Amino acid sequence: FTISRDNARKSVYLQMNSLKPEDTGVYYCYARSMNSYWGQGTQVTVS
């Protein structure tokens, strides 16, 4: 996996390669400064 960010686009990315069944789950994005914030989650299923 490779994480990256683009501050101009206000975005963070996760490139996931060679996925395995154990990578299955709901993936939540977070952003943290003085407080923590969470996304709603996105399902990844490797099968």
All heavy atoms as atom14 arrays in JSON, in Angstrom:
{
  "sequence": "FTISRDNARKSVYLQMNSLKPEDTGVYYCYARSMNSYWGQGTQVTVS",
  "atom14_mask": [
    [1, 1, 1, 1, 1, 1, 1, 1, 1, 1, 1, 0, 0, 0],
    [1, 1, 1, 1, 1, 1, 1, 0, 0, 0, 0, 0, 0, 0],
    [1, 1, 1, 1, 1, 1, 1, 1, 0, 0, 0, 0, 0, 0],
    [1, 1, 1, 1, 1, 1, 0, 0, 0, 0, 0, 0, 0, 0],
    [1, 1, 1, 1, 1, 1, 1, 1, 1, 1, 1, 0, 0, 0],
    [1, 1, 1, 1, 1, 1, 1, 1, 0, 0, 0, 0, 0, 0],
    [1, 1, 1, 1, 1, 1, 1, 1, 0, 0, 0, 0, 0, 0],
    [1, 1, 1, 1, 1, 0, 0, 0, 0, 0, 0, 0, 0, 0],
    [1, 1, 1, 1, 1, 1, 1, 1, 1, 1, 1, 0, 0, 0],
    [1, 1, 1, 1, 1, 1, 1, 1, 1, 0, 0, 0, 0, 0],
    [1, 1, 1, 1, 1, 1, 0, 0, 0, 0, 0, 0, 0, 0],
    [1, 1, 1, 1, 1, 1, 1, 0, 0, 0, 0, 0, 0, 0],
    [1, 1, 1, 1, 1, 1, 1, 1, 1, 1, 1, 1, 0, 0],
    [1, 1, 1, 1, 1, 1, 1, 1, 0, 0, 0, 0, 0, 0],
    [1, 1, 1, 1, 1, 1, 1, 1, 1, 0, 0, 0, 0, 0],
    [1, 1, 1, 1, 1, 1, 1, 1, 0, 0, 0, 0, 0, 0],
    [1, 1, 1, 1, 1, 1, 1, 1, 0, 0, 0, 0, 0, 0],
    [1, 1, 1, 1, 1, 1, 0, 0, 0, 0, 0, 0, 0, 0],
    [1, 1, 1, 1, 1, 1, 1, 1, 0, 0, 0, 0, 0, 0],
    [1, 1, 1, 1, 1, 1, 1, 1, 1, 0, 0, 0, 0, 0],
    [1, 1, 1, 1, 1, 1, 1, 0, 0, 0, 0, 0, 0, 0],
    [1, 1, 1, 1, 1, 1, 1, 1, 1, 0, 0, 0, 0, 0],
    [1, 1, 1, 1, 1, 1, 1, 1, 0, 0, 0, 0, 0, 0],
    [1, 1, 1, 1, 1, 1, 1, 0, 0, 0, 0, 0, 0, 0],
    [1, 1, 1, 1, 0, 0, 0, 0, 0, 0, 0, 0, 0, 0],
    [1, 1, 1, 1, 1, 1, 1, 0, 0, 0, 0, 0, 0, 0],
    [1, 1, 1, 1, 1, 1, 1, 1, 1, 1, 1, 1, 0, 0],
    [1, 1, 1, 1, 1, 1, 1, 1, 1, 1, 1, 1, 0, 0],
    [1, 1, 1, 1, 1, 1, 0, 0, 0, 0, 0, 0, 0, 0],
    [1, 1, 1, 1, 1, 1, 1, 1, 1, 1, 1, 1, 0, 0],
    [1, 1, 1, 1, 1, 0, 0, 0, 0, 0, 0, 0, 0, 0],
    [1, 1, 1, 1, 1, 1, 1, 1, 1, 1, 1, 0, 0, 0],
    [1, 1, 1, 1, 1, 1, 0, 0, 0, 0, 0, 0, 0, 0],
    [1, 1, 1, 1, 1, 1, 1, 1, 0, 0, 0, 0, 0, 0],
    [1, 1, 1, 1, 1, 1, 1, 1, 0, 0, 0, 0, 0, 0],
    [1, 1, 1, 1, 1, 1, 0, 0, 0, 0, 0, 0, 0, 0],
    [1, 1, 1, 1, 1, 1, 1, 1, 1, 1, 1, 1, 0, 0],
    [1, 1, 1, 1, 1, 1, 1, 1, 1, 1, 1, 1, 1, 1],
    [1, 1, 1, 1, 0, 0, 0, 0, 0, 0, 0, 0, 0, 0],
    [1, 1, 1, 1, 1, 1, 1, 1, 1, 0, 0, 0, 0, 0],
    [1, 1, 1, 1, 0, 0, 0, 0, 0, 0, 0, 0, 0, 0],
    [1, 1, 1, 1, 1, 1, 1, 0, 0, 0, 0, 0, 0, 0],
    [1, 1, 1, 1, 1, 1, 1, 1, 1, 0, 0, 0, 0, 0],
    [1, 1, 1, 1, 1, 1, 1, 0, 0, 0, 0, 0, 0, 0],
    [1, 1, 1, 1, 1, 1, 1, 0, 0, 0, 0, 0, 0, 0],
    [1, 1, 1, 1, 1, 1, 1, 0, 0, 0, 0, 0, 0, 0],
    [1, 1, 1, 1, 1, 1, 0, 0, 0, 0, 0, 0, 0, 0]
  ],
  "atom14_positions": [
    [[0.85, -1.2, 0.0], [0.0, 0.0, 0.0], [0.88, 1.25, 0.0], [1.97, 1.26, 0.6], [-0.89, 0.04, 1.24], [-1.99, -0.99, 1.28], [-2.04, -2.05, 0.39], [-2.98, -0.88, 2.24], [-3.06, -2.99, 0.44], [-4.01, -1.8, 2.32], [-4.04, -2.86, 1.41], [0.0, 0.0, 0.0], [0.0, 0.0, 0.0], [0.0, 0.0, 0.0]],
    [[0.38, 2.31, -0.64], [1.08, 3.58, -0.65], [0.09, 4.7, -0.34], [-0.94, 4.83, -1.02], [1.73, 3.85, -2.02], [2.64, 2.79, -2.33], [2.49, 5.17, -2.0], [0.0, 0.0, 0.0], [0.0, 0.0, 0.0], [0.0, 0.0, 0.0], [0.0, 0.0, 0.0], [0.0, 0.0, 0.0], [0.0, 0.0, 0.0], [0.0, 0.0, 0.0]],
    [[0.41, 5.48, 0.67], [-0.43, 6.63, 1.02], [0.21, 7.89, 0.45], [1.45, 8.0, 0.41], [-0.62, 6.75, 2.54], [-1.67, 7.81, 2.88], [0.7, 7.02, 3.26], [-2.07, 7.84, 4.36], [0.0, 0.0, 0.0], [0.0, 0.0, 0.0], [0.0, 0.0, 0.0], [0.0, 0.0, 0.0], [0.0, 0.0, 0.0], [0.0, 0.0, 0.0]],
    [[-0.62, 8.81, 0.01], [-0.13, 10.08, -0.5], [-1.18, 11.16, -0.22], [-2.32, 10.85, 0.11], [0.18, 10.0, -1.99], [-0.99, 9.68, -2.72], [0.0, 0.0, 0.0], [0.0, 0.0, 0.0], [0.0, 0.0, 0.0], [0.0, 0.0, 0.0], [0.0, 0.0, 0.0], [0.0, 0.0, 0.0], [0.0, 0.0, 0.0], [0.0, 0.0, 0.0]],
    [[-0.76, 12.39, -0.34], [-1.69, 13.5, -0.14], [-1.44, 14.6, -1.17], [-0.32, 14.74, -1.67], [-1.57, 14.06, 1.28], [-0.25, 14.72, 1.62], [-0.17, 15.07, 3.12], [-1.19, 16.04, 3.49], [-1.59, 16.21, 4.76], [-1.08, 15.49, 5.74], [-2.51, 17.13, 5.03], [0.0, 0.0, 0.0], [0.0, 0.0, 0.0], [0.0, 0.0, 0.0]],
    [[-2.49, 15.33, -1.46], [-2.41, 16.47, -2.35], [-3.08, 17.63, -1.61], [-4.31, 17.71, -1.56], [-3.11, 16.17, -3.67], [-2.98, 17.3, -4.69], [-2.78, 18.46, -4.27], [-3.08, 17.01, -5.88], [0.0, 0.0, 0.0], [0.0, 0.0, 0.0], [0.0, 0.0, 0.0], [0.0, 0.0, 0.0], [0.0, 0.0, 0.0], [0.0, 0.0, 0.0]],
    [[-2.28, 18.49, -1.02], [-2.85, 19.56, -0.19], [-3.65, 20.56, -1.01], [-4.62, 21.13, -0.51], [-1.74, 20.26, 0.58], [-1.14, 19.38, 1.65], [-1.81, 18.51, 2.23], [0.14, 19.58, 1.93], [0.0, 0.0, 0.0], [0.0, 0.0, 0.0], [0.0, 0.0, 0.0], [0.0, 0.0, 0.0], [0.0, 0.0, 0.0], [0.0, 0.0, 0.0]],
    [[-3.26, 20.77, -2.25], [-4.0, 21.7, -3.11], [-5.41, 21.17, -3.39], [-6.37, 21.96, -3.47], [-3.25, 21.93, -4.42], [0.0, 0.0, 0.0], [0.0, 0.0, 0.0], [0.0, 0.0, 0.0], [0.0, 0.0, 0.0], [0.0, 0.0, 0.0], [0.0, 0.0, 0.0], [0.0, 0.0, 0.0], [0.0, 0.0, 0.0], [0.0, 0.0, 0.0]],
    [[-5.53, 19.86, -3.53], [-6.83, 19.24, -3.75], [-7.51, 18.85, -2.44], [-8.61, 18.29, -2.46], [-6.69, 18.01, -4.64], [-6.19, 18.32, -6.04], [-6.09, 17.06, -6.88], [-5.55, 17.34, -8.19], [-6.28, 17.69, -9.24], [-7.59, 17.8, -9.13], [-5.7, 17.92, -10.4], [0.0, 0.0, 0.0], [0.0, 0.0, 0.0], [0.0, 0.0, 0.0]],
    [[-6.83, 19.11, -1.3], [-7.39, 18.77, 0.02], [-7.78, 17.3, 0.08], [-8.88, 16.95, 0.54], [-8.58, 19.67, 0.35], [-8.26, 21.15, 0.31], [-9.46, 22.01, 0.65], [-9.12, 23.49, 0.59], [-10.28, 24.35, 0.93], [0.0, 0.0, 0.0], [0.0, 0.0, 0.0], [0.0, 0.0, 0.0], [0.0, 0.0, 0.0], [0.0, 0.0, 0.0]],
    [[-6.88, 16.45, -0.38], [-7.2, 15.04, -0.51], [-6.06, 14.15, -0.02], [-4.89, 14.55, -0.07], [-7.51, 14.7, -1.96], [-8.69, 15.35, -2.4], [0.0, 0.0, 0.0], [0.0, 0.0, 0.0], [0.0, 0.0, 0.0], [0.0, 0.0, 0.0], [0.0, 0.0, 0.0], [0.0, 0.0, 0.0], [0.0, 0.0, 0.0], [0.0, 0.0, 0.0]],
    [[-6.45, 12.96, 0.42], [-5.49, 11.92, 0.76], [-5.9, 10.66, 0.0], [-7.1, 10.42, -0.21], [-5.43, 11.69, 2.29], [-6.76, 11.25, 2.86], [-4.33, 10.72, 2.66], [0.0, 0.0, 0.0], [0.0, 0.0, 0.0], [0.0, 0.0, 0.0], [0.0, 0.0, 0.0], [0.0, 0.0, 0.0], [0.0, 0.0, 0.0], [0.0, 0.0, 0.0]],
    [[-4.9, 9.87, -0.39], [-5.14, 8.72, -1.24], [-4.48, 7.48, -0.63], [-3.51, 7.58, 0.12], [-4.56, 8.95, -2.63], [-5.01, 10.23, -3.27], [-4.2, 11.36, -3.22], [-6.24, 10.32, -3.9], [-4.61, 12.56, -3.79], [-6.67, 11.51, -4.48], [-5.85, 12.62, -4.42], [-6.27, 13.8, -4.99], [0.0, 0.0, 0.0], [0.0, 0.0, 0.0]],
    [[-5.02, 6.32, -0.99], [-4.42, 5.06, -0.6], [-4.41, 4.14, -1.81], [-5.47, 3.68, -2.24], [-5.18, 4.42, 0.56], [-4.52, 3.17, 1.14], [-3.2, 3.52, 1.83], [-5.44, 2.46, 2.13], [0.0, 0.0, 0.0], [0.0, 0.0, 0.0], [0.0, 0.0, 0.0], [0.0, 0.0, 0.0], [0.0, 0.0, 0.0], [0.0, 0.0, 0.0]],
    [[-3.23, 3.91, -2.35], [-3.07, 2.97, -3.45], [-2.82, 1.6, -2.86], [-1.85, 1.41, -2.11], [-1.89, 3.37, -4.35], [-1.62, 2.4, -5.48], [-2.75, 2.36, -6.5], [-3.29, 3.39, -6.88], [-3.11, 1.16, -6.93], [0.0, 0.0, 0.0], [0.0, 0.0, 0.0], [0.0, 0.0, 0.0], [0.0, 0.0, 0.0], [0.0, 0.0, 0.0]],
    [[-3.68, 0.66, -3.17], [-3.59, -0.69, -2.59], [-3.32, -1.69, -3.71], [-4.15, -1.85, -4.61], [-4.9, -1.03, -1.88], [-5.3, 0.0, -0.82], [-6.74, -0.5, 0.16], [-8.01, -0.45, -1.1], [0.0, 0.0, 0.0], [0.0, 0.0, 0.0], [0.0, 0.0, 0.0], [0.0, 0.0, 0.0], [0.0, 0.0, 0.0], [0.0, 0.0, 0.0]],
    [[-2.17, -2.32, -3.65], [-1.77, -3.32, -4.63], [-1.64, -4.69, -3.97], [-1.54, -4.78, -2.74], [-0.44, -2.93, -5.27], [-0.52, -1.61, -6.02], [-1.56, -1.25, -6.56], [0.6, -0.89, -6.05], [0.0, 0.0, 0.0], [0.0, 0.0, 0.0], [0.0, 0.0, 0.0], [0.0, 0.0, 0.0], [0.0, 0.0, 0.0], [0.0, 0.0, 0.0]],
    [[-1.61, -5.71, -4.79], [-1.45, -7.09, -4.29], [-2.42, -7.37, -3.15], [-2.03, -7.89, -2.09], [0.0, -7.3, -3.83], [0.91, -7.05, -4.88], [0.0, 0.0, 0.0], [0.0, 0.0, 0.0], [0.0, 0.0, 0.0], [0.0, 0.0, 0.0], [0.0, 0.0, 0.0], [0.0, 0.0, 0.0], [0.0, 0.0, 0.0], [0.0, 0.0, 0.0]],
    [[-3.65, -7.03, -3.37], [-4.65, -7.16, -2.3], [-4.88, -8.61, -1.91], [-4.82, -9.52, -2.75], [-5.96, -6.51, -2.74], [-5.96, -4.97, -2.64], [-7.04, -4.36, -3.51], [-6.14, -4.55, -1.19], [0.0, 0.0, 0.0], [0.0, 0.0, 0.0], [0.0, 0.0, 0.0], [0.0, 0.0, 0.0], [0.0, 0.0, 0.0], [0.0, 0.0, 0.0]],
    [[-5.13, -8.78, -0.63], [-5.35, -10.1, -0.05], [-6.75, -10.15, 0.59], [-7.28, -9.1, 0.98], [-4.31, -10.39, 1.03], [-2.87, -10.28, 0.56], [-1.91, -10.49, 1.72], [-0.47, -10.38, 1.26], [0.48, -10.58, 2.4], [0.0, 0.0, 0.0], [0.0, 0.0, 0.0], [0.0, 0.0, 0.0], [0.0, 0.0, 0.0], [0.0, 0.0, 0.0]],
    [[-7.31, -11.33, 0.75], [-8.63, -11.41, 1.4], [-8.65, -10.76, 2.79], [-9.68, -10.18, 3.18], [-8.87, -12.92, 1.49], [-8.13, -13.48, 0.32], [-6.88, -12.64, 0.2], [0.0, 0.0, 0.0], [0.0, 0.0, 0.0], [0.0, 0.0, 0.0], [0.0, 0.0, 0.0], [0.0, 0.0, 0.0], [0.0, 0.0, 0.0], [0.0, 0.0, 0.0]],
    [[-7.53, -10.81, 3.49], [-7.49, -10.21, 4.82], [-7.47, -8.68, 4.79], [-7.55, -8.04, 5.85], [-6.29, -10.72, 5.62], [-4.97, -10.62, 4.9], [-4.59, -11.94, 4.22], [-5.47, -12.57, 3.61], [-3.39, -12.3, 4.3], [0.0, 0.0, 0.0], [0.0, 0.0, 0.0], [0.0, 0.0, 0.0], [0.0, 0.0, 0.0], [0.0, 0.0, 0.0]],
    [[-7.39, -8.09, 3.62], [-7.51, -6.64, 3.5], [-8.98, -6.2, 3.47], [-9.26, -4.99, 3.49], [-6.82, -6.14, 2.23], [-5.33, -6.38, 2.23], [-4.7, -6.18, 3.29], [-4.79, -6.76, 1.17], [0.0, 0.0, 0.0], [0.0, 0.0, 0.0], [0.0, 0.0, 0.0], [0.0, 0.0, 0.0], [0.0, 0.0, 0.0], [0.0, 0.0, 0.0]],
    [[-9.87, -7.15, 3.43], [-11.3, -6.84, 3.37], [-11.76, -6.09, 4.61], [-11.36, -6.42, 5.74], [-12.11, -8.15, 3.24], [-11.83, -8.73, 1.97], [-13.6, -7.89, 3.34], [0.0, 0.0, 0.0], [0.0, 0.0, 0.0], [0.0, 0.0, 0.0], [0.0, 0.0, 0.0], [0.0, 0.0, 0.0], [0.0, 0.0, 0.0], [0.0, 0.0, 0.0]],
    [[-12.6, -5.09, 4.4], [-13.16, -4.33, 5.5], [-13.69, -2.99, 5.02], [-13.64, -2.68, 3.83], [0.0, 0.0, 0.0], [0.0, 0.0, 0.0], [0.0, 0.0, 0.0], [0.0, 0.0, 0.0], [0.0, 0.0, 0.0], [0.0, 0.0, 0.0], [0.0, 0.0, 0.0], [0.0, 0.0, 0.0], [0.0, 0.0, 0.0], [0.0, 0.0, 0.0]],
    [[-14.19, -2.23, 5.97], [-14.6, -0.86, 5.69], [-13.41, 0.05, 5.98], [-12.84, 0.0, 7.07], [-15.82, -0.44, 6.52], [-16.2, 1.01, 6.21], [-16.99, -1.37, 6.26], [0.0, 0.0, 0.0], [0.0, 0.0, 0.0], [0.0, 0.0, 0.0], [0.0, 0.0, 0.0], [0.0, 0.0, 0.0], [0.0, 0.0, 0.0], [0.0, 0.0, 0.0]],
    [[-13.06, 0.85, 5.01], [-11.92, 1.75, 5.13], [-12.43, 3.16, 5.43], [-13.26, 3.7, 4.69], [-11.09, 1.74, 3.86], [-10.22, 0.52, 3.74], [-10.78, -0.74, 3.52], [-8.83, 0.6, 3.88], [-9.99, -1.87, 3.43], [-8.03, -0.52, 3.79], [-8.61, -1.76, 3.57], [-7.83, -2.88, 3.49], [0.0, 0.0, 0.0], [0.0, 0.0, 0.0]],
    [[-11.91, 3.72, 6.52], [-12.32, 5.04, 6.97], [-11.17, 6.02, 6.81], [-10.06, 5.77, 7.29], [-12.74, 5.01, 8.44], [-13.97, 4.19, 8.71], [-13.87, 2.84, 9.05], [-15.23, 4.77, 8.65], [-15.01, 2.09, 9.31], [-16.37, 4.02, 8.91], [-16.24, 2.68, 9.24], [-17.37, 1.94, 9.5], [0.0, 0.0, 0.0], [0.0, 0.0, 0.0]],
    [[-11.45, 7.12, 6.21], [-10.51, 8.22, 6.11], [-10.61, 9.08, 7.37], [-11.7, 9.23, 7.94], [-10.87, 9.04, 4.88], [-10.01, 10.61, 4.72], [0.0, 0.0, 0.0], [0.0, 0.0, 0.0], [0.0, 0.0, 0.0], [0.0, 0.0, 0.0], [0.0, 0.0, 0.0], [0.0, 0.0, 0.0], [0.0, 0.0, 0.0], [0.0, 0.0, 0.0]],
    [[-9.48, 9.62, 7.82], [-9.51, 10.56, 8.94], [-8.64, 11.76, 8.62], [-7.73, 11.7, 7.8], [-9.04, 9.89, 10.23], [-7.54, 9.66, 10.31], [-6.68, 10.64, 10.81], [-6.99, 8.47, 9.87], [-5.32, 10.43, 10.86], [-5.63, 8.25, 9.93], [-4.8, 9.22, 10.42], [-3.45, 9.02, 10.46], [0.0, 0.0, 0.0], [0.0, 0.0, 0.0]],
    [[-8.96, 12.85, 9.31], [-8.14, 14.05, 9.28], [-8.06, 14.55, 10.72], [-9.06, 14.57, 11.45], [-8.74, 15.13, 8.38], [0.0, 0.0, 0.0], [0.0, 0.0, 0.0], [0.0, 0.0, 0.0], [0.0, 0.0, 0.0], [0.0, 0.0, 0.0], [0.0, 0.0, 0.0], [0.0, 0.0, 0.0], [0.0, 0.0, 0.0], [0.0, 0.0, 0.0]],
    [[-6.86, 14.91, 11.14], [-6.66, 15.23, 12.55], [-5.8, 16.47, 12.7], [-4.7, 16.57, 12.15], [-5.98, 14.05, 13.25], [-5.73, 14.23, 14.73], [-5.09, 12.98, 15.3], [-5.91, 11.8, 15.06], [-5.43, 10.66, 14.56], [-4.16, 10.55, 14.25], [-6.25, 9.63, 14.39], [0.0, 0.0, 0.0], [0.0, 0.0, 0.0], [0.0, 0.0, 0.0]],
    [[-6.33, 17.44, 13.43], [-5.56, 18.6, 13.82], [-5.78, 18.77, 15.32], [-5.36, 17.92, 16.1], [-5.98, 19.83, 13.02], [-5.22, 20.95, 13.37], [0.0, 0.0, 0.0], [0.0, 0.0, 0.0], [0.0, 0.0, 0.0], [0.0, 0.0, 0.0], [0.0, 0.0, 0.0], [0.0, 0.0, 0.0], [0.0, 0.0, 0.0], [0.0, 0.0, 0.0]],
    [[-6.47, 19.78, 15.75], [-6.85, 19.86, 17.16], [-7.96, 18.86, 17.47], [-8.07, 18.36, 18.6], [-7.32, 21.27, 17.51], [-6.21, 22.32, 17.41], [-6.78, 23.94, 17.9], [-7.19, 23.67, 19.61], [0.0, 0.0, 0.0], [0.0, 0.0, 0.0], [0.0, 0.0, 0.0], [0.0, 0.0, 0.0], [0.0, 0.0, 0.0], [0.0, 0.0, 0.0]],
    [[-8.77, 18.55, 16.48], [-9.84, 17.55, 16.59], [-9.66, 16.5, 15.52], [-8.91, 16.7, 14.56], [-11.21, 18.22, 16.43], [-11.46, 19.23, 17.53], [-11.38, 18.93, 18.71], [-11.75, 20.47, 17.15], [0.0, 0.0, 0.0], [0.0, 0.0, 0.0], [0.0, 0.0, 0.0], [0.0, 0.0, 0.0], [0.0, 0.0, 0.0], [0.0, 0.0, 0.0]],
    [[-10.36, 15.39, 15.69], [-10.32, 14.33, 14.7], [-11.64, 14.24, 13.96], [-12.71, 14.37, 14.57], [-10.03, 12.99, 15.38], [-8.72, 12.97, 15.91], [0.0, 0.0, 0.0], [0.0, 0.0, 0.0], [0.0, 0.0, 0.0], [0.0, 0.0, 0.0], [0.0, 0.0, 0.0], [0.0, 0.0, 0.0], [0.0, 0.0, 0.0], [0.0, 0.0, 0.0]],
    [[-11.56, 14.0, 12.67], [-12.74, 13.9, 11.83], [-12.66, 12.62, 11.02], [-11.56, 12.18, 10.65], [-12.84, 15.11, 10.9], [-12.85, 16.42, 11.65], [-11.67, 17.13, 11.84], [-14.02, 16.92, 12.19], [-11.65, 18.32, 12.55], [-14.02, 18.12, 12.89], [-12.84, 18.8, 13.08], [-12.84, 19.98, 13.78], [0.0, 0.0, 0.0], [0.0, 0.0, 0.0]],
    [[-13.83, 12.03, 10.74], [-13.9, 10.75, 10.05], [-14.84, 10.81, 8.86], [-15.85, 11.52, 8.89], [-14.41, 9.67, 11.0], [-13.48, 9.39, 12.13], [-13.47, 10.01, 13.35], [-12.42, 8.45, 12.15], [-12.45, 9.5, 14.14], [-11.8, 8.53, 13.42], [-11.92, 7.53, 11.23], [-10.71, 7.73, 13.78], [-10.84, 6.74, 11.59], [-10.24, 6.84, 12.85]],
    [[-14.49, 10.04, 7.83], [-15.4, 9.84, 6.74], [-16.43, 8.77, 7.08], [-16.38, 8.17, 8.15], [0.0, 0.0, 0.0], [0.0, 0.0, 0.0], [0.0, 0.0, 0.0], [0.0, 0.0, 0.0], [0.0, 0.0, 0.0], [0.0, 0.0, 0.0], [0.0, 0.0, 0.0], [0.0, 0.0, 0.0], [0.0, 0.0, 0.0], [0.0, 0.0, 0.0]],
    [[-17.32, 8.53, 6.14], [-18.41, 7.58, 6.38], [-17.98, 6.13, 6.12], [-18.69, 5.21, 6.5], [-19.62, 7.93, 5.5], [-19.52, 7.47, 4.05], [-18.58, 8.3, 3.21], [-18.03, 9.31, 3.65], [-18.41, 7.88, 1.95], [0.0, 0.0, 0.0], [0.0, 0.0, 0.0], [0.0, 0.0, 0.0], [0.0, 0.0, 0.0], [0.0, 0.0, 0.0]],
    [[-16.84, 5.97, 5.49], [-16.33, 4.63, 5.21], [-16.67, 4.15, 3.82], [-17.7, 4.51, 3.25], [0.0, 0.0, 0.0], [0.0, 0.0, 0.0], [0.0, 0.0, 0.0], [0.0, 0.0, 0.0], [0.0, 0.0, 0.0], [0.0, 0.0, 0.0], [0.0, 0.0, 0.0], [0.0, 0.0, 0.0], [0.0, 0.0, 0.0], [0.0, 0.0, 0.0]],
    [[-15.77, 3.35, 3.27], [-15.99, 2.74, 1.96], [-15.61, 1.27, 2.05], [-14.56, 0.93, 2.62], [-15.21, 3.48, 0.85], [-15.55, 2.93, -0.43], [-13.71, 3.4, 1.05], [0.0, 0.0, 0.0], [0.0, 0.0, 0.0], [0.0, 0.0, 0.0], [0.0, 0.0, 0.0], [0.0, 0.0, 0.0], [0.0, 0.0, 0.0], [0.0, 0.0, 0.0]],
    [[-16.44, 0.41, 1.51], [-16.24, -1.03, 1.62], [-15.22, -1.51, 0.59], [-15.32, -1.19, -0.6], [-17.56, -1.78, 1.41], [-17.45, -3.29, 1.43], [-17.14, -3.82, 2.83], [-17.72, -3.39, 3.82], [-16.21, -4.78, 2.89], [0.0, 0.0, 0.0], [0.0, 0.0, 0.0], [0.0, 0.0, 0.0], [0.0, 0.0, 0.0], [0.0, 0.0, 0.0]],
    [[-14.27, -2.3, 1.07], [-13.32, -2.99, 0.21], [-13.48, -4.48, 0.47], [-13.35, -4.93, 1.61], [-11.88, -2.54, 0.48], [-10.89, -3.42, -0.28], [-11.69, -1.08, 0.1], [0.0, 0.0, 0.0], [0.0, 0.0, 0.0], [0.0, 0.0, 0.0], [0.0, 0.0, 0.0], [0.0, 0.0, 0.0], [0.0, 0.0, 0.0], [0.0, 0.0, 0.0]],
    [[-13.76, -5.23, -0.58], [-13.91, -6.68, -0.47], [-12.95, -7.34, -1.43], [-12.98, -7.07, -2.63], [-15.35, -7.11, -0.79], [-16.25, -6.46, 0.1], [-15.5, -8.62, -0.61], [0.0, 0.0, 0.0], [0.0, 0.0, 0.0], [0.0, 0.0, 0.0], [0.0, 0.0, 0.0], [0.0, 0.0, 0.0], [0.0, 0.0, 0.0], [0.0, 0.0, 0.0]],
    [[-12.08, -8.2, -0.89], [-11.11, -8.92, -1.7], [-11.52, -10.39, -1.67], [-11.42, -11.06, -0.63], [-9.69, -8.74, -1.17], [-8.7, -9.43, -2.11], [-9.36, -7.26, -1.01], [0.0, 0.0, 0.0], [0.0, 0.0, 0.0], [0.0, 0.0, 0.0], [0.0, 0.0, 0.0], [0.0, 0.0, 0.0], [0.0, 0.0, 0.0], [0.0, 0.0, 0.0]],
    [[-11.99, -10.84, -2.8], [-12.52, -12.21, -2.85], [-12.52, -12.71, -4.28], [-12.69, -11.93, -5.22], [-13.95, -12.23, -2.3], [-14.52, -13.52, -2.45], [0.0, 0.0, 0.0], [0.0, 0.0, 0.0], [0.0, 0.0, 0.0], [0.0, 0.0, 0.0], [0.0, 0.0, 0.0], [0.0, 0.0, 0.0], [0.0, 0.0, 0.0], [0.0, 0.0, 0.0]]
  ]
}
